[in-house]
Structures are given as C-alpha cells and as structure tokens.
Amino acid sequence: MKRSAVIEIEPELAACIETKAKQEYHRTLRELLKKGEDDRLKDRLETLRLFLEGTDLKGLREKYEVYLTQGKRVRFHIYLDGGIPEYEMKVL
C-alpha cells in the first residue's frame, strides 16, 4: 500500500492536536492556492482532511494530555496508509 508523506504536529496544553492540525490544514491550503498545481501540497491537504474527519480526536487528546501535564513533549507523525489516516505518537 502507498504511504503518504508524513506530517509532523506537536500539540501543547494551549493548542490541542485538533487545533494544530486545523492550523496546518489552513496554512497548506493558503500555500496551495498561491502556488497552484502542486501534488505534494494536495497530498498533504488530503492527509490532514482525512485525519481531522476520521480520527477520534477527543480520545487521542486523552492519550497524550497526561504526558503534557507531566512537562513532556508529544509529537505526532500523521500520514495516509492506503488512503486511511494513521498516526504515530512519540513522547519526548
């Protein structure tokens, strides 16, 4: 199966994964509108859209917030695997 490019997002207590993913979605959309045809940006935009629409963001937040409250950093790698949104969570 084809795996898309990986998008890195690092949530904070002040900005959850959903907020950060939406910000990245809008930033990517603005860049795509400026540049026009760009397959890399289209892939990125689609990955973010599917992640936002198809992920239990509340459940995901519950998984990582415990680490943030302990002062640790959490980083997500978001990608599509065969058209399905997937992610890897790393605690730093």
N, C-alpha and C. Protein backbone atom coordinates (compact mmCIF):
# COMPACT_ATOMS: atom_id res chain seq x y z
N MET A 1 0.83 -1.19 0.00
CA MET A 1 0.00 0.00 0.00
C MET A 1 0.87 1.25 0.00
N LYS A 2 0.37 2.29 -0.63
CA LYS A 2 1.11 3.53 -0.72
C LYS A 2 0.93 4.35 0.55
N ARG A 3 2.03 4.80 1.10
CA ARG A 3 2.01 5.64 2.30
C ARG A 3 2.32 7.06 1.87
N SER A 4 1.52 8.00 2.37
CA SER A 4 1.70 9.40 2.01
C SER A 4 2.89 10.01 2.76
N ALA A 5 3.19 11.24 2.43
CA ALA A 5 4.22 11.98 3.15
C ALA A 5 3.79 12.14 4.61
N VAL A 6 4.74 12.23 5.49
CA VAL A 6 4.47 12.33 6.92
C VAL A 6 4.39 13.80 7.32
N ILE A 7 3.35 14.12 8.08
CA ILE A 7 3.15 15.47 8.60
C ILE A 7 3.43 15.42 10.10
N GLU A 8 4.28 16.30 10.57
CA GLU A 8 4.64 16.32 11.98
C GLU A 8 3.86 17.43 12.70
N ILE A 9 3.20 17.05 13.79
CA ILE A 9 2.45 18.01 14.60
C ILE A 9 2.79 17.79 16.06
N GLU A 10 3.03 18.88 16.77
CA GLU A 10 3.37 18.81 18.19
C GLU A 10 2.34 19.63 18.98
N PRO A 11 1.36 18.94 19.60
CA PRO A 11 0.36 19.66 20.38
C PRO A 11 0.95 20.21 21.68
N GLU A 12 0.23 21.15 22.25
CA GLU A 12 0.62 21.76 23.52
C GLU A 12 -0.62 21.81 24.39
N LEU A 13 -0.46 22.16 25.65
CA LEU A 13 -1.64 22.30 26.51
C LEU A 13 -2.54 23.44 26.01
N ALA A 14 -1.93 24.48 25.44
CA ALA A 14 -2.70 25.62 24.95
C ALA A 14 -3.26 25.42 23.54
N ALA A 15 -2.81 24.40 22.83
CA ALA A 15 -3.28 24.13 21.46
C ALA A 15 -3.23 22.62 21.22
N CYS A 16 -4.41 22.00 21.21
CA CYS A 16 -4.50 20.55 21.09
C CYS A 16 -4.18 20.09 19.67
N ILE A 17 -4.16 18.78 19.49
CA ILE A 17 -3.85 18.19 18.18
C ILE A 17 -4.83 18.65 17.11
N GLU A 18 -6.10 18.78 17.48
CA GLU A 18 -7.10 19.23 16.51
C GLU A 18 -6.82 20.66 16.05
N THR A 19 -6.55 21.53 17.00
CA THR A 19 -6.24 22.93 16.68
C THR A 19 -5.01 23.02 15.80
N LYS A 20 -3.95 22.30 16.17
CA LYS A 20 -2.71 22.34 15.39
C LYS A 20 -2.91 21.76 13.99
N ALA A 21 -3.69 20.68 13.88
CA ALA A 21 -3.93 20.07 12.56
C ALA A 21 -4.76 21.01 11.69
N LYS A 22 -5.75 21.69 12.28
CA LYS A 22 -6.55 22.66 11.52
C LYS A 22 -5.68 23.83 11.06
N GLN A 23 -4.80 24.31 11.92
CA GLN A 23 -3.90 25.40 11.54
C GLN A 23 -3.01 24.97 10.37
N GLU A 24 -2.51 23.75 10.43
CA GLU A 24 -1.65 23.24 9.36
C GLU A 24 -2.45 23.04 8.08
N TYR A 25 -3.69 22.60 8.21
CA TYR A 25 -4.56 22.44 7.05
C TYR A 25 -4.75 23.79 6.35
N HIS A 26 -5.08 24.82 7.12
CA HIS A 26 -5.32 26.15 6.53
C HIS A 26 -4.03 26.76 5.95
N ARG A 27 -2.90 26.52 6.62
CA ARG A 27 -1.63 27.01 6.10
C ARG A 27 -1.31 26.33 4.76
N THR A 28 -1.53 25.02 4.70
CA THR A 28 -1.28 24.26 3.47
C THR A 28 -2.22 24.71 2.36
N LEU A 29 -3.48 24.94 2.69
CA LEU A 29 -4.45 25.40 1.70
C LEU A 29 -4.04 26.76 1.13
N ARG A 30 -3.62 27.68 1.98
CA ARG A 30 -3.16 29.00 1.50
C ARG A 30 -1.97 28.85 0.57
N GLU A 31 -1.03 28.00 0.94
CA GLU A 31 0.16 27.77 0.12
C GLU A 31 -0.22 27.15 -1.23
N LEU A 32 -1.16 26.21 -1.22
CA LEU A 32 -1.61 25.57 -2.45
C LEU A 32 -2.31 26.58 -3.36
N LEU A 33 -3.11 27.46 -2.80
CA LEU A 33 -3.80 28.49 -3.59
C LEU A 33 -2.80 29.47 -4.22
N LYS A 34 -1.71 29.75 -3.53
CA LYS A 34 -0.69 30.64 -4.07
C LYS A 34 0.10 29.97 -5.20
N LYS A 35 0.46 28.70 -5.00
CA LYS A 35 1.33 28.01 -5.95
C LYS A 35 0.58 27.36 -7.11
N GLY A 36 -0.69 27.06 -6.91
CA GLY A 36 -1.43 26.36 -7.96
C GLY A 36 -1.19 24.87 -7.86
N GLU A 37 -1.04 24.21 -8.99
CA GLU A 37 -0.87 22.76 -9.02
C GLU A 37 0.40 22.33 -8.30
N ASP A 38 0.24 21.54 -7.25
CA ASP A 38 1.38 21.02 -6.51
C ASP A 38 0.92 19.72 -5.84
N ASP A 39 1.35 18.59 -6.39
CA ASP A 39 0.89 17.30 -5.89
C ASP A 39 1.28 17.06 -4.44
N ARG A 40 2.44 17.54 -4.04
CA ARG A 40 2.89 17.37 -2.65
C ARG A 40 1.94 18.08 -1.70
N LEU A 41 1.55 19.31 -2.03
CA LEU A 41 0.63 20.07 -1.18
C LEU A 41 -0.77 19.47 -1.19
N LYS A 42 -1.20 18.97 -2.35
CA LYS A 42 -2.52 18.32 -2.42
C LYS A 42 -2.56 17.09 -1.53
N ASP A 43 -1.48 16.31 -1.57
CA ASP A 43 -1.38 15.11 -0.75
C ASP A 43 -1.42 15.48 0.74
N ARG A 44 -0.70 16.51 1.09
CA ARG A 44 -0.65 16.99 2.47
C ARG A 44 -2.03 17.45 2.93
N LEU A 45 -2.70 18.21 2.08
CA LEU A 45 -4.03 18.72 2.40
C LEU A 45 -5.02 17.57 2.60
N GLU A 46 -4.97 16.59 1.72
CA GLU A 46 -5.87 15.44 1.82
C GLU A 46 -5.58 14.62 3.07
N THR A 47 -4.32 14.46 3.41
CA THR A 47 -3.94 13.73 4.62
C THR A 47 -4.51 14.42 5.85
N LEU A 48 -4.37 15.73 5.93
CA LEU A 48 -4.89 16.48 7.06
C LEU A 48 -6.42 16.42 7.12
N ARG A 49 -7.06 16.54 5.96
CA ARG A 49 -8.53 16.49 5.92
C ARG A 49 -9.04 15.15 6.44
N LEU A 50 -8.48 14.08 5.94
CA LEU A 50 -8.92 12.76 6.37
C LEU A 50 -8.61 12.50 7.84
N PHE A 51 -7.48 12.99 8.31
CA PHE A 51 -7.13 12.85 9.72
C PHE A 51 -8.15 13.58 10.58
N LEU A 52 -8.48 14.82 10.22
CA LEU A 52 -9.44 15.61 11.01
C LEU A 52 -10.84 15.00 10.97
N GLU A 53 -11.22 14.46 9.84
CA GLU A 53 -12.56 13.89 9.70
C GLU A 53 -12.69 12.48 10.27
N GLY A 54 -11.61 11.72 10.26
CA GLY A 54 -11.72 10.30 10.58
C GLY A 54 -11.06 9.83 11.86
N THR A 55 -10.57 10.74 12.67
CA THR A 55 -9.85 10.36 13.88
C THR A 55 -10.65 10.77 15.10
N ASP A 56 -10.67 9.92 16.11
CA ASP A 56 -11.30 10.24 17.39
C ASP A 56 -10.35 11.20 18.12
N LEU A 57 -10.51 12.47 17.86
CA LEU A 57 -9.58 13.47 18.39
C LEU A 57 -9.71 13.62 19.90
N LYS A 58 -10.91 13.47 20.43
CA LYS A 58 -11.10 13.54 21.88
C LYS A 58 -10.35 12.39 22.56
N GLY A 59 -10.50 11.20 22.03
CA GLY A 59 -9.79 10.05 22.58
C GLY A 59 -8.29 10.19 22.46
N LEU A 60 -7.85 10.74 21.35
CA LEU A 60 -6.43 10.96 21.13
C LEU A 60 -5.88 11.97 22.13
N ARG A 61 -6.63 13.04 22.36
CA ARG A 61 -6.24 14.06 23.33
C ARG A 61 -6.07 13.45 24.71
N GLU A 62 -6.99 12.56 25.09
CA GLU A 62 -6.91 11.90 26.40
C GLU A 62 -5.63 11.07 26.52
N LYS A 63 -5.15 10.51 25.43
CA LYS A 63 -3.94 9.69 25.44
C LYS A 63 -2.69 10.52 25.69
N TYR A 64 -2.62 11.71 25.11
CA TYR A 64 -1.36 12.45 25.19
C TYR A 64 -1.34 13.56 26.23
N GLU A 65 -2.50 14.05 26.67
CA GLU A 65 -2.50 15.16 27.62
C GLU A 65 -1.82 14.81 28.94
N VAL A 66 -1.90 13.55 29.34
CA VAL A 66 -1.24 13.14 30.58
C VAL A 66 0.27 13.41 30.50
N TYR A 67 0.86 13.20 29.34
CA TYR A 67 2.29 13.47 29.17
C TYR A 67 2.58 14.96 29.19
N LEU A 68 1.72 15.75 28.57
CA LEU A 68 1.92 17.20 28.56
C LEU A 68 1.85 17.77 29.96
N THR A 69 0.91 17.28 30.78
CA THR A 69 0.79 17.78 32.15
C THR A 69 1.99 17.39 33.01
N GLN A 70 2.74 16.37 32.57
CA GLN A 70 3.97 15.96 33.27
C GLN A 70 5.18 16.76 32.78
N GLY A 71 4.94 17.69 31.85
CA GLY A 71 6.02 18.51 31.32
C GLY A 71 6.75 17.89 30.15
N LYS A 72 6.25 16.77 29.65
CA LYS A 72 6.88 16.13 28.49
C LYS A 72 6.30 16.71 27.21
N ARG A 73 7.02 16.52 26.13
CA ARG A 73 6.55 16.93 24.81
C ARG A 73 6.03 15.70 24.09
N VAL A 74 5.04 15.93 23.23
CA VAL A 74 4.46 14.85 22.44
C VAL A 74 4.48 15.29 20.98
N ARG A 75 4.90 14.38 20.12
CA ARG A 75 4.95 14.69 18.69
C ARG A 75 4.20 13.59 17.93
N PHE A 76 3.37 14.02 16.98
CA PHE A 76 2.63 13.09 16.14
C PHE A 76 3.17 13.12 14.72
N HIS A 77 3.26 11.96 14.13
CA HIS A 77 3.55 11.83 12.70
C HIS A 77 2.27 11.29 12.08
N ILE A 78 1.68 12.10 11.21
CA ILE A 78 0.40 11.78 10.58
C ILE A 78 0.65 11.46 9.12
N TYR A 79 -0.01 10.42 8.62
CA TYR A 79 0.18 10.01 7.23
C TYR A 79 -1.03 9.19 6.80
N LEU A 80 -1.13 8.96 5.51
CA LEU A 80 -2.15 8.05 4.97
C LEU A 80 -1.46 6.75 4.60
N ASP A 81 -2.10 5.67 4.94
CA ASP A 81 -1.60 4.35 4.57
C ASP A 81 -2.73 3.67 3.80
N GLY A 82 -2.58 3.62 2.48
CA GLY A 82 -3.64 3.07 1.65
C GLY A 82 -4.92 3.88 1.70
N GLY A 83 -4.79 5.20 1.89
CA GLY A 83 -5.94 6.09 1.93
C GLY A 83 -6.59 6.21 3.30
N ILE A 84 -6.03 5.54 4.30
CA ILE A 84 -6.57 5.57 5.66
C ILE A 84 -5.65 6.45 6.51
N PRO A 85 -6.23 7.42 7.27
CA PRO A 85 -5.39 8.26 8.13
C PRO A 85 -4.81 7.44 9.29
N GLU A 86 -3.53 7.55 9.46
CA GLU A 86 -2.81 6.86 10.54
C GLU A 86 -1.92 7.87 11.25
N TYR A 87 -1.47 7.52 12.44
CA TYR A 87 -0.54 8.40 13.15
C TYR A 87 0.36 7.56 14.05
N GLU A 88 1.49 8.13 14.37
CA GLU A 88 2.41 7.58 15.35
C GLU A 88 2.63 8.66 16.39
N MET A 89 2.55 8.31 17.67
CA MET A 89 2.75 9.27 18.73
C MET A 89 4.09 8.98 19.41
N LYS A 90 4.89 10.03 19.58
CA LYS A 90 6.17 9.89 20.26
C LYS A 90 6.18 10.83 21.46
N VAL A 91 6.58 10.31 22.59
CA VAL A 91 6.72 11.12 23.80
C VAL A 91 8.19 11.46 23.94
N LEU A 92 8.47 12.76 24.07
CA LEU A 92 9.86 13.24 24.11
C LEU A 92 10.22 13.72 25.51
